[in-house]
Amino acid sequence: ADGIAVGMATSIPPHNLGEVVDAVKAYMKNNDISTRGLMRYLKGPDFPTGGIVVNKDDLVKIYESGTGKLRIRGRVEIEKLKGGRQQLVITEIPYTMIGANIGKFLNDIATLVETKKTTDIVDISNQSSKEGIRIVLELKRDADVENLTNMLYKKTRLEDTFGVNMLAVADGRPETLGLKQIIAHHVDFVFEVNSRKYTTLLAKEQEKREIQEGLIKACDVIDLIIEILRGSKSRDQVKKCLTDGITEGIKFKTKTSEKAAKSLKFTEKQATAILDMRLYKLIGLEIDALMKEHEETMKNIAAYEDILNNYDSMAAVIMGELDQIKKEYGSKRKTSIENAEEAVYEEKKMEETEVCFLMDRFGYMRLIDKNAYERNKDAAHAESRYVFTCMNTDKICIFTDTGKLHTVKAEDIPLVRFRDKGVPADNLGNYDSTSEQILYVAPLSQVAASTVLFVTENGMCKLVKGDEFRASKRTIVSTKLAEDDRLVFVGAADEMDQVVFQSEKGYFLRIMKTEISVTKKNALGVRGMKLTGEDRIHHAYLLESRQEYAIEYHDKPYVLNKVKLAKRDTKGVKPRV
């Protein structure tokens, strides 16, 4: 089970029903059993997708503390084909891969092939059906199967982790519980439920006994009861006579009958049952059946009292119910539990070369070799939004409007022919095109050596040294933003000496770059342009004062260098159109 509520999250892996039943029974027989003792019955998690838990030695600690990480691998089989070729067949997957993650897994394998991390795979096909998982990787003739399998474990989700956090509400309080504690709480709960159940059953049997004994007693004095009925004027009069011996107003044939009536002491329920009794119940066979029912009722009462007063008797009943559940719903274990060494594979050493990075306006990225770039330079710049050369060992920085910086290793980007499409940025990193926009893309080597300008929609700006963006994480915060703000411009500012702000209402402000202070990336910065009303910054431009820079404004060219040079945090001017 897993879930989250009120700031609390729980993550409990699924287990085998039969093993859970056996572990619960073992605890009921010996409350002092250890976690290791319970694990003789409950071997470990059992996932519906099968797979292999490969850190068996960690399970004791996980079950004692209630927290930890499971390492799960998919099951891989090798099938031989004609001509000495082989194929890897994945028949079971980690539990974390279910759903859409299978598609992501296939994309990851395709990326390994496209980026030439492996040349052993010649074809990928997903032949999974309702019969089960079957993902087939057809290999070339001389493929190193073991090395490839280990690469898949390391580079894809064929090996994944499942975080265990056995948080539960125990005695009204959230608490992280170990295996034995969970079973103990469960057993206490089952005992409580069964105590209520058998207390209710006992009360019903005792009520039944009371009525049965009243009817049996009534059979012995049936003539007297009939006389009372015939001599009474109302049902209440008969009932008072049966329960309290009140004979006033009842006509009797003899004084002896009246005296006998005064000695009657039936209970309220017995009297009601007698009055509701039909005459055919007086037949001999019916009386015999009543006696047998009474005998059965007495046996039930004795059994229920024994269950309620004797732990072993209650435990035997519960264990019997558990055995029935196991028999009806139990199934064989699907997940293997074992110890396996960490997957190690030999990665082909990459020769460092200069390549050209291309990204089109749709966010598709690709690398081409430098010769291909030189031959198609004009087309590359005309068709691509970002074009630059870098080393294939570099990282590509992607700055977005949400203040995030995503990095992608150049080696993970497909090296293709010039006319090939490439792959979406979404597929190679944490960038999400549905929730953020790309503002600036450059190699990390260039970013780290420069000073980066940030401008926000609300008019804030700052300069940050590029060294701050060196990080091992694939995604970091590139700048601090106010809650209702977003970035509209990011760019390298080293070779420029002026900044022009353009607002949505058509105001332009040109300032010297020196008016913007260099700060840390976690600072908000300073106000670059004063905005009025609902106006927002539309864009910003970096200028070199000795060069003329023109943009298209209202379908006409507009030279930004002609904007009057002013001070920071002023309104700017609106050019005449």
Protein backbone atom coordinates (compact mmCIF):
# COMPACT_ATOMS: atom_id res chain seq x y z
CA ALA A 1 0.00 0.00 0.00
CA ASP A 2 1.10 3.57 -0.49
CA GLY A 3 -0.51 6.93 0.02
CA ILE A 4 -0.12 10.45 1.36
CA ALA A 5 -2.32 12.61 3.57
CA VAL A 6 -1.92 15.45 6.06
CA GLY A 7 1.81 15.64 5.45
CA MET A 8 2.36 11.93 6.06
CA ALA A 9 3.38 9.38 3.43
CA THR A 10 3.40 5.60 3.63
CA SER A 11 4.92 3.04 1.30
CA ILE A 12 4.44 -0.64 2.14
CA PRO A 13 5.38 -3.23 -0.50
CA PRO A 14 2.91 -6.01 -1.37
CA HIS A 15 3.48 -9.46 0.14
CA ASN A 16 2.41 -13.03 -0.55
CA LEU A 17 -0.94 -13.79 1.14
CA GLY A 18 0.00 -17.35 2.09
CA GLU A 19 3.27 -16.21 3.68
CA VAL A 20 1.49 -13.44 5.59
CA VAL A 21 -0.98 -16.01 6.99
CA ASP A 22 1.88 -18.28 8.07
CA ALA A 23 3.73 -15.38 9.75
CA VAL A 24 0.60 -14.25 11.62
CA LYS A 25 -0.03 -17.82 12.83
CA ALA A 26 3.60 -18.12 13.96
CA TYR A 27 3.24 -14.92 16.01
CA MET A 28 -0.03 -16.12 17.57
CA LYS A 29 1.68 -19.35 18.66
CA ASN A 30 4.69 -17.49 20.06
CA ASN A 31 4.40 -13.77 20.84
CA ASP A 32 8.14 -13.64 21.61
CA ILE A 33 9.17 -14.67 18.10
CA SER A 34 11.88 -12.45 16.57
CA THR A 35 11.80 -10.65 13.23
CA ARG A 36 14.21 -13.24 11.85
CA GLY A 37 11.85 -15.93 13.13
CA LEU A 38 8.92 -14.33 11.30
CA MET A 39 11.01 -14.17 8.14
CA ARG A 40 11.23 -17.95 8.08
CA TYR A 41 7.57 -17.76 7.06
CA LEU A 42 7.41 -14.37 5.33
CA LYS A 43 10.45 -14.35 3.03
CA GLY A 44 10.10 -10.76 1.81
CA PRO A 45 7.98 -8.60 -0.51
CA ASP A 46 6.15 -10.34 -3.35
CA PHE A 47 5.37 -8.02 -6.25
CA PRO A 48 2.62 -8.80 -8.79
CA THR A 49 5.13 -8.08 -11.59
CA GLY A 50 7.57 -10.68 -10.26
CA GLY A 51 11.19 -9.64 -10.59
CA ILE A 52 14.07 -10.24 -8.21
CA VAL A 53 14.79 -8.47 -4.91
CA VAL A 54 18.60 -8.48 -4.92
CA ASN A 55 19.43 -7.12 -1.44
CA LYS A 56 18.21 -10.02 0.71
CA ASP A 57 20.63 -9.20 3.54
CA ASP A 58 19.01 -5.77 4.01
CA LEU A 59 15.53 -7.21 4.61
CA VAL A 60 16.02 -7.94 8.33
CA LYS A 61 16.99 -4.32 9.01
CA ILE A 62 14.11 -3.04 6.85
CA TYR A 63 11.58 -5.25 8.66
CA GLU A 64 12.95 -4.30 12.09
CA SER A 65 12.99 -0.53 11.47
CA GLY A 66 10.08 -0.21 9.03
CA THR A 67 12.18 1.86 6.60
CA GLY A 68 14.75 1.18 3.91
CA LYS A 69 15.20 0.57 0.21
CA LEU A 70 14.56 -2.55 -1.83
CA ARG A 71 16.62 -3.13 -4.96
CA ILE A 72 14.47 -4.84 -7.60
CA ARG A 73 15.62 -6.22 -10.93
CA GLY A 74 13.66 -7.45 -13.89
CA ARG A 75 14.12 -11.07 -14.93
CA VAL A 76 16.17 -11.52 -18.10
CA GLU A 77 16.37 -14.71 -20.14
CA ILE A 78 18.67 -15.50 -23.06
CA GLU A 79 17.14 -17.17 -26.10
CA LYS A 80 19.31 -18.60 -28.88
CA LEU A 81 18.38 -17.93 -32.50
CA LYS A 82 19.47 -19.49 -35.75
CA GLY A 83 22.88 -18.58 -37.08
CA GLY A 84 24.48 -18.29 -33.66
CA ARG A 85 22.62 -15.09 -32.71
CA GLN A 86 20.92 -14.46 -29.39
CA GLN A 87 18.20 -12.28 -27.97
CA LEU A 88 17.59 -10.94 -24.49
CA VAL A 89 14.01 -11.47 -23.33
CA ILE A 90 12.71 -9.54 -20.32
CA THR A 91 9.89 -11.64 -18.82
CA GLU A 92 9.43 -9.83 -15.50
CA ILE A 93 9.88 -6.16 -14.63
CA PRO A 94 10.41 -4.17 -11.42
CA TYR A 95 7.14 -3.18 -9.73
CA THR A 96 8.09 0.50 -10.18
CA MET A 97 8.00 0.10 -13.97
CA ILE A 98 4.28 -0.70 -14.28
CA GLY A 99 2.08 1.54 -16.42
CA ALA A 100 3.58 4.30 -18.55
CA ASN A 101 7.08 3.59 -17.23
CA ILE A 102 7.38 0.61 -19.61
CA GLY A 103 7.28 3.09 -22.49
CA LYS A 104 9.93 5.20 -20.75
CA PHE A 105 12.07 2.07 -20.32
CA LEU A 106 11.85 1.29 -24.04
CA ASN A 107 12.77 4.91 -24.85
CA ASP A 108 15.78 4.65 -22.53
CA ILE A 109 17.00 1.55 -24.39
CA ALA A 110 16.46 3.31 -27.73
CA THR A 111 18.47 6.28 -26.44
CA LEU A 112 21.36 3.98 -25.46
CA VAL A 113 21.37 2.71 -29.04
CA GLU A 114 21.00 6.17 -30.63
CA THR A 115 23.79 7.66 -28.52
CA LYS A 116 25.96 4.64 -29.34
CA LYS A 117 26.36 3.72 -25.65
CA THR A 118 25.78 0.20 -26.93
CA THR A 119 26.10 -1.27 -30.39
CA ASP A 120 24.99 -4.77 -29.34
CA ILE A 121 21.23 -4.21 -29.85
CA VAL A 122 19.88 -4.41 -33.40
CA ASP A 123 16.13 -4.45 -32.70
CA ILE A 124 13.70 -3.77 -29.83
CA SER A 125 10.14 -5.12 -29.67
CA ASN A 126 7.51 -5.14 -26.93
CA GLN A 127 5.58 -8.41 -27.30
CA SER A 128 3.81 -8.11 -23.94
CA SER A 129 0.19 -9.25 -23.77
CA LYS A 130 -2.40 -10.36 -21.23
CA GLU A 131 -0.31 -13.52 -20.91
CA GLY A 132 2.54 -11.51 -19.40
CA ILE A 133 5.57 -9.32 -20.03
CA ARG A 134 7.82 -10.09 -23.00
CA ILE A 135 10.24 -7.39 -24.13
CA VAL A 136 12.67 -8.71 -26.76
CA LEU A 137 16.08 -7.21 -27.53
CA GLU A 138 17.60 -8.81 -30.61
CA LEU A 139 21.40 -8.77 -30.43
CA LYS A 140 24.15 -8.77 -33.00
CA ARG A 141 26.16 -11.96 -33.42
CA ASP A 142 29.19 -11.09 -31.23
CA ALA A 143 27.26 -9.21 -28.51
CA ASP A 144 28.62 -9.26 -24.95
CA VAL A 145 25.40 -10.41 -23.27
CA GLU A 146 26.58 -10.13 -19.66
CA ASN A 147 28.00 -6.64 -20.13
CA LEU A 148 24.83 -5.50 -21.93
CA THR A 149 22.58 -6.91 -19.20
CA ASN A 150 24.58 -5.08 -16.52
CA MET A 151 24.38 -1.88 -18.59
CA LEU A 152 20.58 -2.19 -18.69
CA TYR A 153 20.56 -2.62 -14.90
CA LYS A 154 22.69 0.50 -14.42
CA LYS A 155 21.40 2.79 -17.17
CA THR A 156 17.67 1.98 -17.21
CA ARG A 157 14.92 1.11 -14.75
CA LEU A 158 15.45 -2.61 -15.32
CA GLU A 159 16.96 -2.30 -11.84
CA ASP A 160 15.15 0.14 -9.60
CA THR A 161 14.61 0.92 -5.94
CA PHE A 162 11.40 0.74 -3.92
CA GLY A 163 11.41 2.97 -0.87
CA VAL A 164 9.87 1.27 2.18
CA ASN A 165 8.22 3.48 4.79
CA MET A 166 5.81 1.42 6.88
CA LEU A 167 3.98 4.34 8.47
CA ALA A 168 0.59 3.50 9.96
CA VAL A 169 -1.87 4.90 12.50
CA ALA A 170 -1.41 2.79 15.63
CA ASP A 171 -3.51 3.50 18.73
CA GLY A 172 -4.59 6.79 17.18
CA ARG A 173 -1.06 8.01 16.41
CA PRO A 174 1.02 7.82 13.21
CA GLU A 175 3.99 5.56 13.82
CA THR A 176 6.64 3.81 11.71
CA LEU A 177 6.25 0.12 12.53
CA GLY A 178 8.43 -2.92 12.01
CA LEU A 179 7.09 -6.23 10.72
CA LYS A 180 6.51 -7.73 14.18
CA GLN A 181 4.74 -4.58 15.40
CA ILE A 182 2.42 -4.57 12.39
CA ILE A 183 1.53 -8.23 12.92
CA ALA A 184 1.03 -7.62 16.66
CA HIS A 185 -1.37 -4.72 16.00
CA HIS A 186 -3.19 -6.82 13.41
CA VAL A 187 -3.56 -9.77 15.79
CA ASP A 188 -4.85 -7.47 18.55
CA PHE A 189 -7.37 -6.04 16.11
CA VAL A 190 -8.52 -9.50 14.93
CA PHE A 191 -8.90 -10.64 18.56
CA GLU A 192 -10.95 -7.53 19.33
CA VAL A 193 -13.19 -8.06 16.29
CA ASN A 194 -13.68 -11.74 17.13
CA SER A 195 -14.37 -10.93 20.79
CA ARG A 196 -17.17 -8.61 19.71
CA LYS A 197 -18.39 -11.22 17.22
CA TYR A 198 -18.55 -14.08 19.73
CA THR A 199 -19.94 -11.85 22.49
CA THR A 200 -22.83 -11.05 20.13
CA LEU A 201 -23.26 -14.71 19.13
CA LEU A 202 -23.21 -15.78 22.80
CA ALA A 203 -25.89 -13.22 23.69
CA LYS A 204 -28.09 -14.50 20.85
CA GLU A 205 -27.65 -18.13 21.93
CA GLN A 206 -28.41 -17.25 25.55
CA GLU A 207 -31.59 -15.50 24.46
CA LYS A 208 -32.48 -18.53 22.35
CA ARG A 209 -31.83 -20.82 25.35
CA GLU A 210 -34.09 -18.72 27.54
CA ILE A 211 -36.98 -19.03 25.07
CA GLN A 212 -36.36 -22.73 24.45
CA GLU A 213 -36.35 -23.50 28.17
CA GLY A 214 -39.57 -21.53 28.58
CA LEU A 215 -41.27 -23.52 25.80
CA ILE A 216 -40.05 -26.83 27.25
CA LYS A 217 -41.36 -25.85 30.66
CA ALA A 218 -44.65 -24.73 29.07
CA CYS A 219 -45.12 -28.18 27.51
CA ASP A 220 -45.20 -29.66 31.03
CA VAL A 221 -48.04 -27.33 32.15
CA ILE A 222 -49.79 -26.90 28.83
CA ASP A 223 -53.23 -27.81 30.24
CA LEU A 224 -52.90 -25.08 32.89
CA ILE A 225 -51.79 -22.52 30.30
CA ILE A 226 -54.80 -23.39 28.10
CA GLU A 227 -57.08 -22.96 31.13
CA ILE A 228 -55.51 -19.54 31.81
CA LEU A 229 -56.02 -18.56 28.18
CA ARG A 230 -59.68 -19.60 28.22
CA GLY A 231 -60.38 -17.82 31.50
CA SER A 232 -58.61 -14.54 30.67
CA LYS A 233 -60.07 -11.43 29.09
CA SER A 234 -56.88 -10.01 27.48
CA ARG A 235 -53.36 -10.89 26.34
CA ASP A 236 -51.84 -8.69 29.04
CA GLN A 237 -53.84 -10.53 31.71
CA VAL A 238 -52.41 -13.87 30.51
CA LYS A 239 -48.89 -12.44 30.36
CA LYS A 240 -49.06 -11.11 33.94
CA CYS A 241 -50.26 -14.49 35.13
CA LEU A 242 -47.41 -16.32 33.34
CA THR A 243 -44.68 -13.94 34.57
CA ASP A 244 -45.88 -12.87 38.02
CA GLY A 245 -48.57 -15.42 38.97
CA ILE A 246 -51.31 -12.75 39.09
CA THR A 247 -54.64 -14.59 38.75
CA GLU A 248 -57.05 -11.77 39.56
CA GLY A 249 -59.90 -11.63 36.99
CA ILE A 250 -59.10 -15.04 35.48
CA LYS A 251 -61.73 -17.80 35.75
CA PHE A 252 -60.32 -21.20 36.75
CA LYS A 253 -62.13 -24.54 36.84
CA THR A 254 -60.69 -25.42 40.23
CA LYS A 255 -58.88 -23.80 43.14
CA THR A 256 -56.03 -26.21 42.50
CA SER A 257 -55.54 -24.75 39.02
CA GLU A 258 -55.58 -21.21 40.40
CA LYS A 259 -53.03 -22.15 43.06
CA ALA A 260 -50.78 -23.68 40.38
CA ALA A 261 -51.15 -20.56 38.22
CA LYS A 262 -49.96 -18.36 41.09
CA SER A 263 -46.68 -20.28 41.16
CA LEU A 264 -45.83 -19.61 37.49
CA LYS A 265 -42.58 -17.61 37.00
CA PHE A 266 -41.88 -17.40 33.27
CA THR A 267 -39.63 -14.56 32.04
CA GLU A 268 -40.96 -11.75 29.85
CA LYS A 269 -39.42 -13.27 26.70
CA GLN A 270 -40.63 -16.76 27.60
CA ALA A 271 -44.18 -15.52 28.16
CA THR A 272 -44.17 -13.72 24.79
CA ALA A 273 -42.91 -16.87 23.05
CA ILE A 274 -45.62 -18.99 24.73
CA LEU A 275 -48.35 -16.59 23.63
CA ASP A 276 -46.94 -16.59 20.07
CA MET A 277 -46.63 -20.40 19.98
CA ARG A 278 -48.86 -22.26 17.52
CA LEU A 279 -50.76 -25.37 18.57
CA TYR A 280 -48.93 -27.70 16.16
CA LYS A 281 -45.82 -27.15 18.31
CA LEU A 282 -47.44 -29.46 20.86
CA ILE A 283 -47.01 -32.46 18.55
CA GLY A 284 -44.59 -35.00 19.95
CA LEU A 285 -42.11 -34.70 17.06
CA GLU A 286 -42.03 -30.91 17.43
CA ILE A 287 -41.29 -31.26 21.13
CA ASP A 288 -38.43 -33.67 20.32
CA ALA A 289 -37.06 -31.17 17.78
CA LEU A 290 -37.26 -28.42 20.41
CA MET A 291 -35.27 -30.59 22.84
CA LYS A 292 -32.59 -31.18 20.17
CA GLU A 293 -32.43 -27.44 19.39
CA HIS A 294 -31.96 -26.74 23.08
CA GLU A 295 -29.18 -29.29 23.25
CA GLU A 296 -27.46 -27.65 20.24
CA THR A 297 -27.89 -24.22 21.80
CA MET A 298 -26.22 -25.40 25.02
CA LYS A 299 -23.28 -26.74 22.99
CA ASN A 300 -22.93 -23.39 21.18
CA ILE A 301 -23.03 -21.47 24.46
CA ALA A 302 -20.32 -23.69 25.91
CA ALA A 303 -18.18 -23.27 22.76
CA TYR A 304 -18.59 -19.47 22.64
CA GLU A 305 -17.82 -19.09 26.34
CA ASP A 306 -14.70 -21.19 25.87
CA ILE A 307 -13.59 -19.03 22.91
CA LEU A 308 -14.15 -15.82 24.88
CA ASN A 309 -12.46 -17.06 28.05
CA ASN A 310 -9.57 -19.05 26.56
CA TYR A 311 -6.78 -17.47 24.42
CA ASP A 312 -5.86 -20.78 22.80
CA SER A 313 -9.47 -21.44 21.79
CA MET A 314 -9.83 -17.96 20.26
CA ALA A 315 -6.46 -18.35 18.51
CA ALA A 316 -7.51 -21.72 17.08
CA VAL A 317 -10.67 -20.18 15.60
CA ILE A 318 -8.74 -17.27 14.05
CA MET A 319 -6.06 -19.57 12.66
CA GLY A 320 -8.75 -21.76 11.15
CA GLU A 321 -10.23 -18.73 9.40
CA LEU A 322 -6.76 -17.72 8.17
CA ASP A 323 -6.17 -21.22 6.78
CA GLN A 324 -9.45 -20.98 4.89
CA ILE A 325 -8.44 -17.60 3.41
CA LYS A 326 -5.05 -19.02 2.39
CA LYS A 327 -6.69 -22.07 0.80
CA GLU A 328 -9.17 -19.95 -1.16
CA TYR A 329 -7.04 -16.97 -2.19
CA GLY A 330 -3.39 -17.99 -1.72
CA SER A 331 -1.01 -18.11 -4.68
CA LYS A 332 2.59 -19.01 -5.41
CA ARG A 333 5.32 -16.43 -4.79
CA LYS A 334 6.24 -14.43 -7.91
CA THR A 335 9.25 -12.44 -6.70
CA SER A 336 12.57 -14.13 -5.99
CA ILE A 337 14.64 -13.04 -2.99
CA GLU A 338 18.41 -13.26 -3.27
CA ASN A 339 21.68 -11.42 -2.85
CA ALA A 340 23.34 -10.11 -5.98
CA GLU A 341 26.41 -8.00 -6.49
CA GLU A 342 25.99 -4.51 -7.87
CA ALA A 343 25.84 -4.53 -11.65
CA VAL A 344 29.16 -3.55 -13.20
CA TYR A 345 29.67 -3.04 -16.90
CA GLU A 346 32.54 -1.89 -19.05
CA GLU A 347 31.66 1.41 -20.65
CA LYS A 348 33.28 2.09 -23.97
CA LYS A 349 35.71 4.96 -23.67
CA MET A 350 34.52 7.89 -25.72
CA GLU A 351 37.00 9.77 -27.84
CA GLU A 352 36.69 13.49 -27.17
CA THR A 353 35.68 15.31 -30.34
CA GLU A 354 34.15 18.63 -31.30
CA VAL A 355 30.51 18.43 -32.40
CA CYS A 356 27.75 20.86 -33.32
CA PHE A 357 24.58 21.12 -31.20
CA LEU A 358 21.27 21.95 -32.91
CA MET A 359 17.87 22.62 -31.32
CA ASP A 360 14.85 23.58 -33.40
CA ARG A 361 11.90 25.72 -32.28
CA PHE A 362 10.00 22.59 -31.19
CA GLY A 363 12.70 21.62 -28.68
CA TYR A 364 14.18 18.71 -30.66
CA MET A 365 17.92 18.30 -29.99
CA ARG A 366 20.62 16.58 -31.99
CA LEU A 367 24.36 16.56 -32.53
CA ILE A 368 26.07 16.51 -35.91
CA ASP A 369 29.78 16.23 -36.61
CA LYS A 370 31.66 19.42 -37.36
CA ASN A 371 32.18 18.60 -41.04
CA ALA A 372 28.43 18.17 -41.54
CA TYR A 373 27.90 21.53 -39.83
CA GLU A 374 30.42 23.30 -42.08
CA ARG A 375 28.70 21.88 -45.18
CA ASN A 376 25.23 22.96 -43.99
CA LYS A 377 26.03 26.06 -41.94
CA ASP A 378 23.48 28.38 -43.56
CA ALA A 379 20.65 25.84 -43.34
CA ALA A 380 21.59 24.97 -39.74
CA HIS A 381 21.26 28.60 -38.60
CA ALA A 382 18.11 29.20 -40.64
CA GLU A 383 16.27 26.13 -39.37
CA SER A 384 17.49 25.96 -35.76
CA ARG A 385 16.79 28.10 -32.72
CA TYR A 386 20.11 27.28 -31.03
CA VAL A 387 23.32 26.39 -32.87
CA PHE A 388 26.77 26.10 -31.27
CA THR A 389 29.84 23.89 -31.25
CA CYS A 390 30.94 22.05 -28.12
CA MET A 391 32.87 18.98 -27.06
CA ASN A 392 31.01 15.67 -26.90
CA THR A 393 32.10 15.42 -23.23
CA ASP A 394 30.41 18.71 -22.31
CA LYS A 395 27.03 19.28 -20.67
CA ILE A 396 24.24 21.28 -22.28
CA CYS A 397 22.51 23.86 -20.04
CA ILE A 398 18.80 24.56 -20.57
CA PHE A 399 17.47 27.63 -18.71
CA THR A 400 13.66 27.93 -18.45
CA ASP A 401 11.13 30.60 -17.50
CA THR A 402 10.35 28.86 -14.20
CA GLY A 403 13.85 29.57 -12.87
CA LYS A 404 15.14 26.05 -13.41
CA LEU A 405 18.38 24.94 -15.04
CA HIS A 406 18.32 21.48 -16.60
CA THR A 407 21.56 19.86 -17.77
CA VAL A 408 21.92 17.10 -20.35
CA LYS A 409 25.15 15.28 -21.13
CA ALA A 410 26.18 15.87 -24.73
CA GLU A 411 27.02 12.18 -24.99
CA ASP A 412 23.34 11.38 -24.30
CA ILE A 413 22.18 13.42 -27.30
CA PRO A 414 21.99 11.42 -30.55
CA LEU A 415 24.82 12.04 -33.01
CA VAL A 416 22.96 11.93 -36.34
CA ARG A 417 23.00 13.10 -39.93
CA PHE A 418 22.10 16.73 -40.59
CA ARG A 419 18.57 16.02 -41.87
CA ASP A 420 17.65 13.65 -39.03
CA LYS A 421 15.09 15.02 -36.58
CA GLY A 422 16.72 14.38 -33.21
CA VAL A 423 14.90 13.81 -29.91
CA PRO A 424 12.74 16.10 -27.72
CA ALA A 425 14.48 17.75 -24.77
CA ASP A 426 11.77 16.18 -22.57
CA ASN A 427 13.17 12.71 -23.31
CA LEU A 428 16.76 13.38 -22.24
CA GLY A 429 16.35 15.25 -18.97
CA ASN A 430 13.92 16.69 -16.46
CA TYR A 431 12.67 19.46 -18.75
CA ASP A 432 8.87 19.42 -19.17
CA SER A 433 7.60 21.31 -22.21
CA THR A 434 4.03 21.27 -20.86
CA SER A 435 4.87 23.46 -17.85
CA GLU A 436 7.96 25.53 -18.78
CA GLN A 437 9.54 27.37 -21.72
CA ILE A 438 13.16 27.33 -22.84
CA LEU A 439 14.82 30.77 -22.68
CA TYR A 440 18.51 30.02 -23.19
CA VAL A 441 20.62 27.02 -24.19
CA ALA A 442 24.43 26.86 -24.09
CA PRO A 443 27.25 24.43 -23.24
CA LEU A 444 28.25 24.40 -19.58
CA SER A 445 31.85 25.23 -20.49
CA GLN A 446 30.63 28.51 -22.02
CA VAL A 447 28.14 29.29 -19.24
CA ALA A 448 30.71 28.69 -16.49
CA ALA A 449 33.17 31.09 -18.12
CA SER A 450 30.64 33.92 -18.49
CA THR A 451 28.34 36.16 -16.47
CA VAL A 452 24.64 35.43 -17.01
CA LEU A 453 21.90 38.09 -17.09
CA PHE A 454 18.43 37.24 -15.72
CA VAL A 455 15.38 39.46 -16.35
CA THR A 456 11.91 38.74 -14.96
CA GLU A 457 8.40 39.65 -16.08
CA ASN A 458 7.98 42.02 -13.11
CA GLY A 459 11.09 44.02 -14.06
CA MET A 460 13.68 42.45 -11.73
CA CYS A 461 17.19 41.76 -13.05
CA LYS A 462 20.59 40.54 -11.89
CA LEU A 463 23.93 39.19 -13.08
CA VAL A 464 25.27 35.85 -11.82
CA LYS A 465 28.74 34.34 -12.27
CA GLY A 466 28.45 31.22 -14.43
CA ASP A 467 30.55 29.13 -12.04
CA GLU A 468 27.51 28.94 -9.76
CA PHE A 469 25.78 26.69 -12.28
CA ARG A 470 28.25 23.83 -12.00
CA ALA A 471 26.31 21.06 -10.26
CA SER A 472 26.12 17.27 -10.27
CA LYS A 473 22.31 17.29 -10.23
CA ARG A 474 20.43 17.21 -13.51
CA THR A 475 18.15 20.05 -12.38
CA ILE A 476 18.89 22.99 -10.08
CA VAL A 477 17.31 26.37 -9.32
CA SER A 478 19.05 28.93 -11.53
CA THR A 479 17.57 31.99 -9.84
CA LYS A 480 15.24 32.96 -7.04
CA LEU A 481 11.84 34.26 -8.20
CA ALA A 482 9.02 36.06 -6.42
CA GLU A 483 5.85 33.97 -6.11
CA ASP A 484 3.99 35.69 -8.98
CA ASP A 485 7.02 36.22 -11.22
CA ARG A 486 8.73 34.35 -14.07
CA LEU A 487 11.79 34.82 -16.26
CA VAL A 488 11.49 36.42 -19.70
CA PHE A 489 15.20 36.58 -20.58
CA VAL A 490 18.42 34.70 -19.80
CA GLY A 491 21.69 35.28 -21.67
CA ALA A 492 25.48 35.48 -21.45
CA ALA A 493 26.43 39.13 -20.88
CA ASP A 494 30.24 39.26 -20.89
CA GLU A 495 30.84 40.87 -24.28
CA MET A 496 27.91 43.31 -23.97
CA ASP A 497 27.85 46.63 -22.11
CA GLN A 498 24.20 47.73 -22.34
CA VAL A 499 20.77 46.25 -21.58
CA VAL A 500 17.45 47.23 -23.20
CA PHE A 501 14.13 46.35 -21.56
CA GLN A 502 10.94 46.21 -23.65
CA SER A 503 7.54 46.20 -21.91
CA GLU A 504 4.29 44.72 -23.18
CA LYS A 505 2.80 48.24 -23.52
CA GLY A 506 5.66 49.31 -25.81
CA TYR A 507 8.01 51.13 -23.44
CA PHE A 508 11.79 50.80 -23.96
CA LEU A 509 14.53 51.49 -21.40
CA ARG A 510 18.27 51.38 -22.23
CA ILE A 511 20.76 51.29 -19.36
CA MET A 512 24.43 50.51 -18.86
CA LYS A 513 25.11 46.94 -17.75
CA THR A 514 27.24 48.27 -14.88
CA GLU A 515 24.05 49.48 -13.16
CA ILE A 516 23.08 45.85 -12.57
CA SER A 517 24.99 44.32 -9.68
CA VAL A 518 26.50 40.82 -9.71
CA THR A 519 24.77 38.68 -7.06
CA LYS A 520 24.36 35.06 -6.02
CA LYS A 521 21.82 32.94 -7.87
CA ASN A 522 19.59 32.71 -4.79
CA ALA A 523 19.10 36.52 -4.68
CA LEU A 524 16.06 38.29 -6.16
CA GLY A 525 18.19 41.02 -7.81
CA VAL A 526 17.32 44.69 -8.41
CA ARG A 527 14.54 46.47 -10.28
CA GLY A 528 15.59 47.10 -13.86
CA MET A 529 12.56 48.93 -15.26
CA LYS A 530 9.70 50.70 -13.48
CA LEU A 531 6.35 49.32 -14.65
CA THR A 532 2.92 50.92 -14.22
CA GLY A 533 -0.50 49.31 -13.93
CA GLU A 534 -0.71 45.88 -15.54
CA ASP A 535 2.41 46.40 -17.69
CA ARG A 536 5.00 43.59 -17.77
CA ILE A 537 8.45 43.08 -19.29
CA HIS A 538 8.04 41.47 -22.72
CA HIS A 539 11.72 40.93 -23.53
CA ALA A 540 15.25 42.15 -22.84
CA TYR A 541 18.23 42.65 -25.16
CA LEU A 542 21.99 42.76 -24.58
CA LEU A 543 23.83 45.34 -26.74
CA GLU A 544 27.41 46.19 -27.59
CA SER A 545 27.37 49.99 -27.83
CA ARG A 546 29.63 50.13 -30.90
CA GLN A 547 27.34 47.88 -32.92
CA GLU A 548 23.88 48.76 -34.21
CA TYR A 549 21.13 46.33 -33.13
CA ALA A 550 17.69 46.49 -34.77
CA ILE A 551 14.46 44.62 -34.02
CA GLU A 552 11.11 44.48 -35.77
CA TYR A 553 8.62 46.74 -33.97
CA HIS A 554 5.10 47.24 -35.39
CA ASP A 555 6.27 45.63 -38.65
CA LYS A 556 9.12 48.15 -39.00
CA PRO A 557 12.82 47.95 -38.09
CA TYR A 558 13.62 49.74 -34.83
CA VAL A 559 17.24 50.40 -33.80
CA LEU A 560 17.62 49.76 -30.07
CA ASN A 561 20.80 51.87 -29.88
CA LYS A 562 18.62 54.95 -30.53
CA VAL A 563 16.68 54.46 -27.30
CA LYS A 564 17.72 57.24 -24.93
CA LEU A 565 20.30 56.03 -22.41
CA ALA A 566 18.74 56.37 -18.94
CA LYS A 567 19.08 55.21 -15.35
CA ARG A 568 17.93 51.90 -13.96
CA ASP A 569 14.49 51.73 -12.29
CA THR A 570 12.94 54.36 -14.56
CA LYS A 571 9.91 54.08 -16.82
CA GLY A 572 11.58 54.34 -20.23
CA VAL A 573 10.19 55.84 -23.43
CA LYS A 574 7.54 54.82 -25.93
CA PRO A 575 8.75 55.31 -29.52
CA ARG A 576 6.49 56.88 -32.12
CA VAL A 577 5.30 54.42 -34.76
